[in-house]
Amino acid sequence: EAGLPVDDLSAGSLAGFVVAERDGRIVGAAGLERHGHAALLRSVVVSGGERGSGLGAALVADRLACVRRAQVGQVHLLTLDAAAWFARFGFVPEAREAAPAAIGRSSQFSGGGCASATAMVLRSS
């Protein structure tokens, strides 16, 4: 419903997703794909009625906690219109070419549907 790319998802890749439900309907989701020593935060979405509730922040925090537990080296993402929102979590813009090769080959980075998206990386602490 949100118009995010899902054609590249398989049963195996869904293992990195968390979904939030309210009253039996999905109101939010966030995914994390491992690509070698890096990860791709993807498909972060919250339904219109839940925006501003903190649900999106909770979903991202959950996926970043998963990254820390797995000791992933870098976290990258693409966003069409939420760069300022992701900056709150420590993400900074990066040149798309600066992402590791495995991330660059992912369907999210190499697909034409996100050509105008801003690439971001989680700043190291």
PDB file of N, CA and C in Angstrom:
ATOM      1  N   GLU A   1       0.805  -1.205   0.000  1.00  0.00           N
ATOM      2  CA  GLU A   1       0.000   0.000   0.000  1.00  0.00           C
ATOM      3  C   GLU A   1       0.843   1.263   0.000  1.00  0.00           C
ATOM      4  N   ALA A   2       2.017   1.224   0.604  1.00  0.00           N
ATOM      5  CA  ALA A   2       2.854   2.418   0.712  1.00  0.00           C
ATOM      6  C   ALA A   2       3.634   2.707  -0.563  1.00  0.00           C
ATOM      7  N   GLY A   3       3.623   1.778  -1.506  1.00  0.00           N
ATOM      8  CA  GLY A   3       4.332   1.981  -2.757  1.00  0.00           C
ATOM      9  C   GLY A   3       5.825   1.701  -2.678  1.00  0.00           C
ATOM     10  N   LEU A   4       6.276   1.064  -1.610  1.00  0.00           N
ATOM     11  CA  LEU A   4       7.685   0.716  -1.501  1.00  0.00           C
ATOM     12  C   LEU A   4       7.979  -0.531  -2.326  1.00  0.00           C
ATOM     13  N   PRO A   5       9.202  -0.658  -2.841  1.00  0.00           N
ATOM     14  CA  PRO A   5       9.535  -1.840  -3.648  1.00  0.00           C
ATOM     15  C   PRO A   5       9.492  -3.119  -2.820  1.00  0.00           C
ATOM     16  N   VAL A   6       8.806  -4.112  -3.334  1.00  0.00           N
ATOM     17  CA  VAL A   6       8.712  -5.401  -2.646  1.00  0.00           C
ATOM     18  C   VAL A   6       8.989  -6.563  -3.585  1.00  0.00           C
ATOM     19  N   ASP A   7       9.197  -6.277  -4.867  1.00  0.00           N
ATOM     20  CA  ASP A   7       9.409  -7.350  -5.844  1.00  0.00           C
ATOM     21  C   ASP A   7      10.629  -8.198  -5.527  1.00  0.00           C
ATOM     22  N   ASP A   8      11.597  -7.625  -4.828  1.00  0.00           N
ATOM     23  CA  ASP A   8      12.838  -8.340  -4.540  1.00  0.00           C
ATOM     24  C   ASP A   8      12.770  -9.148  -3.253  1.00  0.00           C
ATOM     25  N   LEU A   9      11.666  -9.090  -2.542  1.00  0.00           N
ATOM     26  CA  LEU A   9      11.551  -9.807  -1.273  1.00  0.00           C
ATOM     27  C   LEU A   9      11.227 -11.277  -1.494  1.00  0.00           C
ATOM     28  N   SER A  10      11.847 -12.120  -0.661  1.00  0.00           N
ATOM     29  CA  SER A  10      11.562 -13.544  -0.690  1.00  0.00           C
ATOM     30  C   SER A  10      11.288 -13.975   0.743  1.00  0.00           C
ATOM     31  N   ALA A  11      10.870 -15.202   0.921  1.00  0.00           N
ATOM     32  CA  ALA A  11      10.599 -15.702   2.269  1.00  0.00           C
ATOM     33  C   ALA A  11      11.839 -15.574   3.149  1.00  0.00           C
ATOM     34  N   GLY A  12      13.015 -15.811   2.586  1.00  0.00           N
ATOM     35  CA  GLY A  12      14.252 -15.708   3.358  1.00  0.00           C
ATOM     36  C   GLY A  12      14.572 -14.288   3.776  1.00  0.00           C
ATOM     37  N   SER A  13      14.320 -13.309   2.897  1.00  0.00           N
ATOM     38  CA  SER A  13      14.651 -11.927   3.237  1.00  0.00           C
ATOM     39  C   SER A  13      13.672 -11.323   4.227  1.00  0.00           C
ATOM     40  N   LEU A  14      12.515 -11.908   4.370  1.00  0.00           N
ATOM     41  CA  LEU A  14      11.527 -11.391   5.316  1.00  0.00           C
ATOM     42  C   LEU A  14      11.949 -11.613   6.767  1.00  0.00           C
ATOM     43  N   ALA A  15      12.933 -12.472   6.977  1.00  0.00           N
ATOM     44  CA  ALA A  15      13.410 -12.731   8.339  1.00  0.00           C
ATOM     45  C   ALA A  15      13.956 -11.461   8.986  1.00  0.00           C
ATOM     46  N   GLY A  16      14.424 -10.506   8.205  1.00  0.00           N
ATOM     47  CA  GLY A  16      14.971  -9.272   8.740  1.00  0.00           C
ATOM     48  C   GLY A  16      13.943  -8.180   8.957  1.00  0.00           C
ATOM     49  N   PHE A  17      12.669  -8.493   8.783  1.00  0.00           N
ATOM     50  CA  PHE A  17      11.608  -7.494   8.904  1.00  0.00           C
ATOM     51  C   PHE A  17      10.884  -7.604  10.232  1.00  0.00           C
ATOM     52  N   VAL A  18      10.462  -6.465  10.737  1.00  0.00           N
ATOM     53  CA  VAL A  18       9.534  -6.412  11.861  1.00  0.00           C
ATOM     54  C   VAL A  18       8.287  -5.694  11.367  1.00  0.00           C
ATOM     55  N   VAL A  19       7.154  -6.119  11.887  1.00  0.00           N
ATOM     56  CA  VAL A  19       5.865  -5.556  11.479  1.00  0.00           C
ATOM     57  C   VAL A  19       5.102  -5.167  12.732  1.00  0.00           C
ATOM     58  N   ALA A  20       4.485  -4.007  12.688  1.00  0.00           N
ATOM     59  CA  ALA A  20       3.638  -3.549  13.787  1.00  0.00           C
ATOM     60  C   ALA A  20       2.186  -3.661  13.359  1.00  0.00           C
ATOM     61  N   GLU A  21       1.363  -4.210  14.241  1.00  0.00           N
ATOM     62  CA  GLU A  21      -0.064  -4.370  13.948  1.00  0.00           C
ATOM     63  C   GLU A  21      -0.887  -3.671  15.016  1.00  0.00           C
ATOM     64  N   ARG A  22      -2.025  -3.174  14.604  1.00  0.00           N
ATOM     65  CA  ARG A  22      -3.007  -2.622  15.524  1.00  0.00           C
ATOM     66  C   ARG A  22      -4.383  -3.074  15.038  1.00  0.00           C
ATOM     67  N   ASP A  23      -5.115  -3.662  15.937  1.00  0.00           N
ATOM     68  CA  ASP A  23      -6.470  -4.142  15.614  1.00  0.00           C
ATOM     69  C   ASP A  23      -6.490  -5.042  14.384  1.00  0.00           C
ATOM     70  N   GLY A  24      -5.453  -5.900  14.290  1.00  0.00           N
ATOM     71  CA  GLY A  24      -5.417  -6.885  13.217  1.00  0.00           C
ATOM     72  C   GLY A  24      -4.971  -6.358  11.864  1.00  0.00           C
ATOM     73  N   ARG A  25      -4.542  -5.112  11.795  1.00  0.00           N
ATOM     74  CA  ARG A  25      -4.048  -4.614  10.504  1.00  0.00           C
ATOM     75  C   ARG A  25      -2.628  -4.076  10.670  1.00  0.00           C
ATOM     76  N   ILE A  26      -1.839  -4.212   9.625  1.00  0.00           N
ATOM     77  CA  ILE A  26      -0.448  -3.760   9.645  1.00  0.00           C
ATOM     78  C   ILE A  26      -0.435  -2.238   9.589  1.00  0.00           C
ATOM     79  N   VAL A  27       0.291  -1.633  10.548  1.00  0.00           N
ATOM     80  CA  VAL A  27       0.379  -0.172  10.591  1.00  0.00           C
ATOM     81  C   VAL A  27       1.821   0.323  10.438  1.00  0.00           C
ATOM     82  N   GLY A  28       2.778  -0.599  10.399  1.00  0.00           N
ATOM     83  CA  GLY A  28       4.159  -0.190  10.211  1.00  0.00           C
ATOM     84  C   GLY A  28       5.059  -1.380   9.959  1.00  0.00           C
ATOM     85  N   ALA A  29       6.217  -1.105   9.360  1.00  0.00           N
ATOM     86  CA  ALA A  29       7.190  -2.164   9.082  1.00  0.00           C
ATOM     87  C   ALA A  29       8.564  -1.541   8.880  1.00  0.00           C
ATOM     88  N   ALA A  30       9.575  -2.355   9.094  1.00  0.00           N
ATOM     89  CA  ALA A  30      10.958  -1.955   8.806  1.00  0.00           C
ATOM     90  C   ALA A  30      11.749  -3.221   8.532  1.00  0.00           C
ATOM     91  N   GLY A  31      12.654  -3.134   7.567  1.00  0.00           N
ATOM     92  CA  GLY A  31      13.450  -4.292   7.210  1.00  0.00           C
ATOM     93  C   GLY A  31      14.933  -4.031   7.339  1.00  0.00           C
ATOM     94  N   LEU A  32      15.663  -5.096   7.506  1.00  0.00           N
ATOM     95  CA  LEU A  32      17.114  -5.038   7.587  1.00  0.00           C
ATOM     96  C   LEU A  32      17.669  -6.197   6.775  1.00  0.00           C
ATOM     97  N   GLU A  33      18.488  -5.876   5.790  1.00  0.00           N
ATOM     98  CA  GLU A  33      19.129  -6.897   4.958  1.00  0.00           C
ATOM     99  C   GLU A  33      20.622  -6.883   5.224  1.00  0.00           C
ATOM    100  N   ARG A  34      21.179  -8.038   5.525  1.00  0.00           N
ATOM    101  CA  ARG A  34      22.637  -8.157   5.674  1.00  0.00           C
ATOM    102  C   ARG A  34      23.257  -8.331   4.299  1.00  0.00           C
ATOM    103  N   HIS A  35      24.349  -7.631   4.081  1.00  0.00           N
ATOM    104  CA  HIS A  35      25.146  -7.752   2.858  1.00  0.00           C
ATOM    105  C   HIS A  35      26.601  -7.766   3.298  1.00  0.00           C
ATOM    106  N   GLY A  36      27.100  -8.943   3.615  1.00  0.00           N
ATOM    107  CA  GLY A  36      28.460  -9.053   4.111  1.00  0.00           C
ATOM    108  C   GLY A  36      28.589  -8.367   5.461  1.00  0.00           C
ATOM    109  N   HIS A  37      29.543  -7.441   5.577  1.00  0.00           N
ATOM    110  CA  HIS A  37      29.770  -6.735   6.842  1.00  0.00           C
ATOM    111  C   HIS A  37      28.948  -5.459   6.943  1.00  0.00           C
ATOM    112  N   ALA A  38      28.025  -5.275   6.021  1.00  0.00           N
ATOM    113  CA  ALA A  38      27.172  -4.086   6.020  1.00  0.00           C
ATOM    114  C   ALA A  38      25.712  -4.527   5.997  1.00  0.00           C
ATOM    115  N   ALA A  39      24.842  -3.584   6.282  1.00  0.00           N
ATOM    116  CA  ALA A  39      23.410  -3.878   6.255  1.00  0.00           C
ATOM    117  C   ALA A  39      22.679  -2.728   5.594  1.00  0.00           C
ATOM    118  N   LEU A  40      21.512  -3.048   5.097  1.00  0.00           N
ATOM    119  CA  LEU A  40      20.646  -2.077   4.447  1.00  0.00           C
ATOM    120  C   LEU A  40      19.352  -1.986   5.233  1.00  0.00           C
ATOM    121  N   LEU A  41      19.082  -0.812   5.807  1.00  0.00           N
ATOM    122  CA  LEU A  41      17.807  -0.549   6.455  1.00  0.00           C
ATOM    123  C   LEU A  41      16.853  -0.173   5.340  1.00  0.00           C
ATOM    124  N   ARG A  42      15.731  -0.874   5.265  1.00  0.00           N
ATOM    125  CA  ARG A  42      14.849  -0.652   4.115  1.00  0.00           C
ATOM    126  C   ARG A  42      13.380  -0.781   4.496  1.00  0.00           C
ATOM    127  N   SER A  43      12.568  -0.222   3.639  1.00  0.00           N
ATOM    128  CA  SER A  43      11.116  -0.369   3.736  1.00  0.00           C
ATOM    129  C   SER A  43      10.571   0.069   5.095  1.00  0.00           C
ATOM    130  N   VAL A  44      11.119   1.163   5.628  1.00  0.00           N
ATOM    131  CA  VAL A  44      10.578   1.722   6.866  1.00  0.00           C
ATOM    132  C   VAL A  44       9.308   2.490   6.483  1.00  0.00           C
ATOM    133  N   VAL A  45       8.201   2.040   7.043  1.00  0.00           N
ATOM    134  CA  VAL A  45       6.922   2.652   6.678  1.00  0.00           C
ATOM    135  C   VAL A  45       5.975   2.619   7.874  1.00  0.00           C
ATOM    136  N   VAL A  46       5.207   3.681   7.999  1.00  0.00           N
ATOM    137  CA  VAL A  46       4.187   3.793   9.039  1.00  0.00           C
ATOM    138  C   VAL A  46       2.937   4.334   8.365  1.00  0.00           C
ATOM    139  N   SER A  47       1.785   3.738   8.662  1.00  0.00           N
ATOM    140  CA  SER A  47       0.536   4.196   8.045  1.00  0.00           C
ATOM    141  C   SER A  47       0.234   5.619   8.485  1.00  0.00           C
ATOM    142  N   GLY A  48      -0.508   6.326   7.654  1.00  0.00           N
ATOM    143  CA  GLY A  48      -0.814   7.725   7.895  1.00  0.00           C
ATOM    144  C   GLY A  48      -1.383   8.006   9.274  1.00  0.00           C
ATOM    145  N   GLY A  49      -2.281   7.182   9.758  1.00  0.00           N
ATOM    146  CA  GLY A  49      -2.899   7.398  11.057  1.00  0.00           C
ATOM    147  C   GLY A  49      -1.962   7.203  12.228  1.00  0.00           C
ATOM    148  N   GLU A  50      -0.820   6.569  12.013  1.00  0.00           N
ATOM    149  CA  GLU A  50       0.143   6.294  13.084  1.00  0.00           C
ATOM    150  C   GLU A  50       1.340   7.237  13.048  1.00  0.00           C
ATOM    151  N   ARG A  51       1.439   8.067  12.017  1.00  0.00           N
ATOM    152  CA  ARG A  51       2.590   8.971  11.920  1.00  0.00           C
ATOM    153  C   ARG A  51       2.576   9.957  13.069  1.00  0.00           C
ATOM    154  N   GLY A  52       3.749  10.223  13.605  1.00  0.00           N
ATOM    155  CA  GLY A  52       3.879  11.125  14.734  1.00  0.00           C
ATOM    156  C   GLY A  52       3.669  10.453  16.079  1.00  0.00           C
ATOM    157  N   SER A  53       3.389   9.155  16.062  1.00  0.00           N
ATOM    158  CA  SER A  53       3.118   8.430  17.306  1.00  0.00           C
ATOM    159  C   SER A  53       4.372   7.849  17.948  1.00  0.00           C
ATOM    160  N   GLY A  54       5.491   7.891  17.232  1.00  0.00           N
ATOM    161  CA  GLY A  54       6.715   7.271  17.733  1.00  0.00           C
ATOM    162  C   GLY A  54       6.909   5.855  17.208  1.00  0.00           C
ATOM    163  N   LEU A  55       5.943   5.346  16.461  1.00  0.00           N
ATOM    164  CA  LEU A  55       6.045   3.982  15.942  1.00  0.00           C
ATOM    165  C   LEU A  55       7.236   3.836  14.992  1.00  0.00           C
ATOM    166  N   GLY A  56       7.421   4.776  14.084  1.00  0.00           N
ATOM    167  CA  GLY A  56       8.545   4.703  13.160  1.00  0.00           C
ATOM    168  C   GLY A  56       9.870   4.683  13.896  1.00  0.00           C
ATOM    169  N   ALA A  57       9.999   5.537  14.904  1.00  0.00           N
ATOM    170  CA  ALA A  57      11.225   5.579  15.699  1.00  0.00           C
ATOM    171  C   ALA A  57      11.453   4.250  16.407  1.00  0.00           C
ATOM    172  N   ALA A  58      10.383   3.654  16.909  1.00  0.00           N
ATOM    173  CA  ALA A  58      10.505   2.358  17.593  1.00  0.00           C
ATOM    174  C   ALA A  58      10.932   1.268  16.619  1.00  0.00           C
ATOM    175  N   LEU A  59      10.400   1.284  15.412  1.00  0.00           N
ATOM    176  CA  LEU A  59      10.778   0.286  14.410  1.00  0.00           C
ATOM    177  C   LEU A  59      12.251   0.424  14.027  1.00  0.00           C
ATOM    178  N   VAL A  60      12.690   1.665  13.802  1.00  0.00           N
ATOM    179  CA  VAL A  60      14.100   1.886  13.450  1.00  0.00           C
ATOM    180  C   VAL A  60      14.996   1.502  14.617  1.00  0.00           C
ATOM    181  N   ALA A  61      14.623   1.883  15.830  1.00  0.00           N
ATOM    182  CA  ALA A  61      15.422   1.528  17.008  1.00  0.00           C
ATOM    183  C   ALA A  61      15.548   0.012  17.139  1.00  0.00           C
ATOM    184  N   ASP A  62      14.482  -0.708  16.868  1.00  0.00           N
ATOM    185  CA  ASP A  62      14.523  -2.174  16.929  1.00  0.00           C
ATOM    186  C   ASP A  62      15.505  -2.737  15.907  1.00  0.00           C
ATOM    187  N   ARG A  63      15.458  -2.230  14.679  1.00  0.00           N
ATOM    188  CA  ARG A  63      16.358  -2.732  13.644  1.00  0.00           C
ATOM    189  C   ARG A  63      17.805  -2.355  13.944  1.00  0.00           C
ATOM    190  N   LEU A  64      18.036  -1.168  14.513  1.00  0.00           N
ATOM    191  CA  LEU A  64      19.407  -0.776  14.858  1.00  0.00           C
ATOM    192  C   LEU A  64      19.931  -1.581  16.038  1.00  0.00           C
ATOM    193  N   ALA A  65      19.067  -1.962  16.943  1.00  0.00           N
ATOM    194  CA  ALA A  65      19.482  -2.849  18.041  1.00  0.00           C
ATOM    195  C   ALA A  65      19.900  -4.200  17.477  1.00  0.00           C
ATOM    196  N   CYS A  66      19.199  -4.668  16.479  1.00  0.00           N
ATOM    197  CA  CYS A  66      19.545  -5.927  15.811  1.00  0.00           C
ATOM    198  C   CYS A  66      20.926  -5.805  15.163  1.00  0.00           C
ATOM    199  N   VAL A  67      21.207  -4.663  14.563  1.00  0.00           N
ATOM    200  CA  VAL A  67      22.508  -4.405  13.946  1.00  0.00           C
ATOM    201  C   VAL A  67      23.614  -4.484  14.991  1.00  0.00           C
ATOM    202  N   ARG A  68      23.388  -3.855  16.143  1.00  0.00           N
ATOM    203  CA  ARG A  68      24.404  -3.872  17.200  1.00  0.00           C
ATOM    204  C   ARG A  68      24.649  -5.288  17.711  1.00  0.00           C
ATOM    205  N   ARG A  69      23.568  -6.050  17.901  1.00  0.00           N
ATOM    206  CA  ARG A  69      23.736  -7.432  18.378  1.00  0.00           C
ATOM    207  C   ARG A  69      24.506  -8.272  17.373  1.00  0.00           C
ATOM    208  N   ALA A  70      24.282  -8.028  16.087  1.00  0.00           N
ATOM    209  CA  ALA A  70      24.943  -8.801  15.035  1.00  0.00           C
ATOM    210  C   ALA A  70      26.330  -8.251  14.700  1.00  0.00           C
ATOM    211  N   GLN A  71      26.691  -7.158  15.311  1.00  0.00           N
ATOM    212  CA  GLN A  71      27.987  -6.515  15.093  1.00  0.00           C
ATOM    213  C   GLN A  71      28.236  -6.222  13.615  1.00  0.00           C
ATOM    214  N   VAL A  72      27.231  -5.652  12.980  1.00  0.00           N
ATOM    215  CA  VAL A  72      27.336  -5.240  11.575  1.00  0.00           C
ATOM    216  C   VAL A  72      28.184  -3.972  11.516  1.00  0.00           C
ATOM    217  N   GLY A  73      29.078  -3.896  10.549  1.00  0.00           N
ATOM    218  CA  GLY A  73      29.996  -2.769  10.446  1.00  0.00           C
ATOM    219  C   GLY A  73      29.357  -1.460  10.037  1.00  0.00           C
ATOM    220  N   GLN A  74      28.518  -1.460   9.037  1.00  0.00           N
ATOM    221  CA  GLN A  74      27.918  -0.239   8.518  1.00  0.00           C
ATOM    222  C   GLN A  74      26.444  -0.481   8.226  1.00  0.00           C
ATOM    223  N   VAL A  75      25.652   0.580   8.352  1.00  0.00           N
ATOM    224  CA  VAL A  75      24.239   0.513   8.005  1.00  0.00           C
ATOM    225  C   VAL A  75      23.960   1.621   6.997  1.00  0.00           C
ATOM    226  N   HIS A  76      23.324   1.251   5.898  1.00  0.00           N
ATOM    227  CA  HIS A  76      23.019   2.182   4.818  1.00  0.00           C
ATOM    228  C   HIS A  76      21.518   2.187   4.586  1.00  0.00           C
ATOM    229  N   LEU A  77      21.044   3.240   3.925  1.00  0.00           N
ATOM    230  CA  LEU A  77      19.640   3.287   3.521  1.00  0.00           C
ATOM    231  C   LEU A  77      19.488   4.224   2.346  1.00  0.00           C
ATOM    232  N   LEU A  78      18.350   4.137   1.715  1.00  0.00           N
ATOM    233  CA  LEU A  78      17.933   5.075   0.672  1.00  0.00           C
ATOM    234  C   LEU A  78      16.602   5.665   1.111  1.00  0.00           C
ATOM    235  N   THR A  79      16.422   6.949   0.884  1.00  0.00           N
ATOM    236  CA  THR A  79      15.143   7.570   1.208  1.00  0.00           C
ATOM    237  C   THR A  79      14.789   8.606   0.152  1.00  0.00           C
ATOM    238  N   LEU A  80      13.530   8.653  -0.180  1.00  0.00           N
ATOM    239  CA  LEU A  80      13.064   9.650  -1.137  1.00  0.00           C
ATOM    240  C   LEU A  80      12.753  10.978  -0.461  1.00  0.00           C
ATOM    241  N   ASP A  81      12.238  10.925   0.769  1.00  0.00           N
ATOM    242  CA  ASP A  81      11.775  12.174   1.378  1.00  0.00           C
ATOM    243  C   ASP A  81      11.934  12.256   2.888  1.00  0.00           C
ATOM    244  N   ALA A  82      12.720  11.367   3.478  1.00  0.00           N
ATOM    245  CA  ALA A  82      12.827  11.363   4.940  1.00  0.00           C
ATOM    246  C   ALA A  82      14.260  11.499   5.441  1.00  0.00           C
ATOM    247  N   ALA A  83      15.130  12.148   4.672  1.00  0.00           N
ATOM    248  CA  ALA A  83      16.525  12.284   5.085  1.00  0.00           C
ATOM    249  C   ALA A  83      16.644  13.010   6.423  1.00  0.00           C
ATOM    250  N   ALA A  84      15.881  14.062   6.621  1.00  0.00           N
ATOM    251  CA  ALA A  84      15.947  14.804   7.892  1.00  0.00           C
ATOM    252  C   ALA A  84      15.479  13.931   9.052  1.00  0.00           C
ATOM    253  N   TRP A  85      14.465  13.119   8.823  1.00  0.00           N
ATOM    254  CA  TRP A  85      13.966  12.234   9.876  1.00  0.00           C
ATOM    255  C   TRP A  85      15.023  11.189  10.241  1.00  0.00           C
ATOM    256  N   PHE A  86      15.656  10.573   9.243  1.00  0.00           N
ATOM    257  CA  PHE A  86      16.691   9.569   9.517  1.00  0.00           C
ATOM    258  C   PHE A  86      17.928  10.191  10.161  1.00  0.00           C
ATOM    259  N   ALA A  87      18.183  11.464   9.912  1.00  0.00           N
ATOM    260  CA  ALA A  87      19.323  12.147  10.538  1.00  0.00           C
ATOM    261  C   ALA A  87      19.195  12.130  12.061  1.00  0.00           C
ATOM    262  N   ARG A  88      17.983  12.094  12.581  1.00  0.00           N
ATOM    263  CA  ARG A  88      17.760  12.038  14.036  1.00  0.00           C
ATOM    264  C   ARG A  88      18.391  10.794  14.658  1.00  0.00           C
ATOM    265  N   PHE A  89      18.568   9.757  13.865  1.00  0.00           N
ATOM    266  CA  PHE A  89      19.138   8.499  14.352  1.00  0.00           C
ATOM    267  C   PHE A  89      20.643   8.418  14.107  1.00  0.00           C
ATOM    268  N   GLY A  90      21.206   9.444  13.490  1.00  0.00           N
ATOM    269  CA  GLY A  90      22.637   9.457  13.219  1.00  0.00           C
ATOM    270  C   GLY A  90      23.015   9.138  11.783  1.00  0.00           C
ATOM    271  N   PHE A  91      22.031   9.046  10.895  1.00  0.00           N
ATOM    272  CA  PHE A  91      22.338   8.814   9.489  1.00  0.00           C
ATOM    273  C   PHE A  91      22.747  10.126   8.829  1.00  0.00           C
ATOM    274  N   VAL A  92      23.745  10.049   7.967  1.00  0.00           N
ATOM    275  CA  VAL A  92      24.219  11.213   7.228  1.00  0.00           C
ATOM    276  C   VAL A  92      24.241  10.862   5.740  1.00  0.00           C
ATOM    277  N   PRO A  93      24.050  11.868   4.887  1.00  0.00           N
ATOM    278  CA  PRO A  93      24.090  11.596   3.439  1.00  0.00           C
ATOM    279  C   PRO A  93      25.461  11.068   3.028  1.00  0.00           C
ATOM    280  N   GLU A  94      25.452  10.203   2.042  1.00  0.00           N
ATOM    281  CA  GLU A  94      26.695   9.700   1.470  1.00  0.00           C
ATOM    282  C   GLU A  94      26.506   9.560  -0.032  1.00  0.00           C
ATOM    283  N   ALA A  95      27.596   9.636  -0.762  1.00  0.00           N
ATOM    284  CA  ALA A  95      27.535   9.368  -2.197  1.00  0.00           C
ATOM    285  C   ALA A  95      27.161   7.911  -2.384  1.00  0.00           C
ATOM    286  N   ARG A  96      26.264   7.644  -3.269  1.00  0.00           N
ATOM    287  CA  ARG A  96      25.823   6.273  -3.502  1.00  0.00           C
ATOM    288  C   ARG A  96      27.000   5.357  -3.807  1.00  0.00           C
ATOM    289  N   GLU A  97      27.987   5.893  -4.506  1.00  0.00           N
ATOM    290  CA  GLU A  97      29.166   5.102  -4.877  1.00  0.00           C
ATOM    291  C   GLU A  97      30.040   4.762  -3.667  1.00  0.00           C
ATOM    292  N   ALA A  98      29.856   5.456  -2.564  1.00  0.00           N
ATOM    293  CA  ALA A  98      30.668   5.209  -1.369  1.00  0.00           C
ATOM    294  C   ALA A  98      30.212   3.968  -0.596  1.00  0.00           C
ATOM    295  N   ALA A  99      29.021   3.490  -0.879  1.00  0.00           N
ATOM    296  CA  ALA A  99      28.515   2.294  -0.190  1.00  0.00           C
ATOM    297  C   ALA A  99      29.352   1.081  -0.590  1.00  0.00           C
ATOM    298  N   PRO A 100      29.492   0.106   0.312  1.00  0.00           N
ATOM    299  CA  PRO A 100      30.232  -1.115  -0.043  1.00  0.00           C
ATOM    300  C   PRO A 100      29.630  -1.780  -1.287  1.00  0.00           C
ATOM    301  N   ALA A 101      30.453  -2.478  -2.009  1.00  0.00           N
ATOM    302  CA  ALA A 101      30.018  -3.110  -3.265  1.00  0.00           C
ATOM    303  C   ALA A 101      28.795  -3.999  -3.057  1.00  0.00           C
ATOM    304  N   ALA A 102      28.755  -4.751  -1.951  1.00  0.00           N
ATOM    305  CA  ALA A 102      27.610  -5.650  -1.713  1.00  0.00           C
ATOM    306  C   ALA A 102      26.314  -4.857  -1.562  1.00  0.00           C
ATOM    307  N   ILE A 103      26.361  -3.704  -0.921  1.00  0.00           N
ATOM    308  CA  ILE A 103      25.180  -2.850  -0.796  1.00  0.00           C
ATOM    309  C   ILE A 103      24.830  -2.278  -2.167  1.00  0.00           C
ATOM    310  N   GLY A 104      25.839  -1.846  -2.907  1.00  0.00           N
ATOM    311  CA  GLY A 104      25.615  -1.294  -4.242  1.00  0.00           C
ATOM    312  C   GLY A 104      24.969  -2.271  -5.194  1.00  0.00           C
ATOM    313  N   ARG A 105      25.213  -3.561  -4.979  1.00  0.00           N
ATOM    314  CA  ARG A 105      24.607  -4.586  -5.836  1.00  0.00           C
ATOM    315  C   ARG A 105      23.199  -4.973  -5.383  1.00  0.00           C
ATOM    316  N   SER A 106      22.790  -4.532  -4.206  1.00  0.00           N
ATOM    317  CA  SER A 106      21.454  -4.891  -3.720  1.00  0.00           C
ATOM    318  C   SER A 106      20.402  -4.333  -4.667  1.00  0.00           C
ATOM    319  N   SER A 107      19.260  -4.968  -4.695  1.00  0.00           N
ATOM    320  CA  SER A 107      18.209  -4.515  -5.603  1.00  0.00           C
ATOM    321  C   SER A 107      17.743  -3.112  -5.252  1.00  0.00           C
ATOM    322  N   GLN A 108      17.820  -2.734  -3.986  1.00  0.00           N
ATOM    323  CA  GLN A 108      17.421  -1.387  -3.578  1.00  0.00           C
ATOM    324  C   GLN A 108      18.346  -0.339  -4.199  1.00  0.00           C
ATOM    325  N   PHE A 109      19.655  -0.547  -4.122  1.00  0.00           N
ATOM    326  CA  PHE A 109      20.605   0.438  -4.634  1.00  0.00           C
ATOM    327  C   PHE A 109      20.729   0.376  -6.148  1.00  0.00           C
ATOM    328  N   SER A 110      20.634  -0.800  -6.720  1.00  0.00           N
ATOM    329  CA  SER A 110      20.863  -0.928  -8.163  1.00  0.00           C
ATOM    330  C   SER A 110      19.585  -0.806  -8.975  1.00  0.00           C
ATOM    331  N   GLY A 111      18.425  -0.892  -8.321  1.00  0.00           N
ATOM    332  CA  GLY A 111      17.157  -0.781  -9.039  1.00  0.00           C
ATOM    333  C   GLY A 111      16.901   0.642  -9.500  1.00  0.00           C
ATOM    334  N   GLY A 112      16.276   0.777 -10.620  1.00  0.00           N
ATOM    335  CA  GLY A 112      16.001   2.091 -11.182  1.00  0.00           C
ATOM    336  C   GLY A 112      14.958   2.888 -10.427  1.00  0.00           C
ATOM    337  N   GLY A 113      14.132   2.224  -9.633  1.00  0.00           N
ATOM    338  CA  GLY A 113      13.059   2.914  -8.941  1.00  0.00           C
ATOM    339  C   GLY A 113      13.522   3.890  -7.878  1.00  0.00           C
ATOM    340  N   CYS A 114      14.747   3.757  -7.413  1.00  0.00           N
ATOM    341  CA  CYS A 114      15.253   4.628  -6.344  1.00  0.00           C
ATOM    342  C   CYS A 114      16.400   5.504  -6.834  1.00  0.00           C
ATOM    343  N   ALA A 115      16.455   5.772  -8.117  1.00  0.00           N
ATOM    344  CA  ALA A 115      17.572   6.538  -8.676  1.00  0.00           C
ATOM    345  C   ALA A 115      17.664   7.932  -8.086  1.00  0.00           C
ATOM    346  N   SER A 116      16.548   8.544  -7.721  1.00  0.00           N
ATOM    347  CA  SER A 116      16.577   9.907  -7.181  1.00  0.00           C
ATOM    348  C   SER A 116      16.642   9.931  -5.654  1.00  0.00           C
ATOM    349  N   ALA A 117      16.720   8.772  -5.022  1.00  0.00           N
ATOM    350  CA  ALA A 117      16.732   8.704  -3.562  1.00  0.00           C
ATOM    351  C   ALA A 117      18.066   9.170  -2.992  1.00  0.00           C
ATOM    352  N   THR A 118      18.018   9.691  -1.784  1.00  0.00           N
ATOM    353  CA  THR A 118      19.212  10.090  -1.050  1.00  0.00           C
ATOM    354  C   THR A 118      19.807   8.859  -0.371  1.00  0.00           C
ATOM    355  N   ALA A 119      21.074   8.610  -0.610  1.00  0.00           N
ATOM    356  CA  ALA A 119      21.781   7.524   0.065  1.00  0.00           C
ATOM    357  C   ALA A 119      22.300   8.063   1.395  1.00  0.00           C
ATOM    358  N   MET A 120      22.203   7.248   2.442  1.00  0.00           N
ATOM    359  CA  MET A 120      22.655   7.653   3.762  1.00  0.00           C
ATOM    360  C   MET A 120      23.379   6.502   4.431  1.00  0.00           C
ATOM    361  N   VAL A 121      24.253   6.819   5.379  1.00  0.00           N
ATOM    362  CA  VAL A 121      24.980   5.835   6.148  1.00  0.00           C
ATOM    363  C   VAL A 121      24.888   6.242   7.619  1.00  0.00           C
ATOM    364  N   LEU A 122      24.842   5.253   8.481  1.00  0.00           N
ATOM    365  CA  LEU A 122      24.810   5.526   9.913  1.00  0.00           C
ATOM    366  C   LEU A 122      26.201   5.953  10.353  1.00  0.00           C
ATOM    367  N   ARG A 123      26.282   7.132  10.916  1.00  0.00           N
ATOM    368  CA  ARG A 123      27.559   7.677  11.368  1.00  0.00           C
ATOM    369  C   ARG A 123      28.098   6.797  12.507  1.00  0.00           C
ATOM    370  N   SER A 124      29.357   6.492  12.455  1.00  0.00           N
ATOM    371  CA  SER A 124      29.997   5.697  13.508  1.00  0.00           C
ATOM    372  C   SER A 124      30.075   6.525  14.766  1.00  0.00           C
ATOM    373  N   SER A 125      29.897   5.845  15.923  1.00  0.00           N
ATOM    374  CA  SER A 125      30.001   6.594  17.171  1.00  0.00           C
ATOM    375  C   SER A 125      31.362   6.482  17.765  1.00  0.00           C
TER     376      SER A 125
END
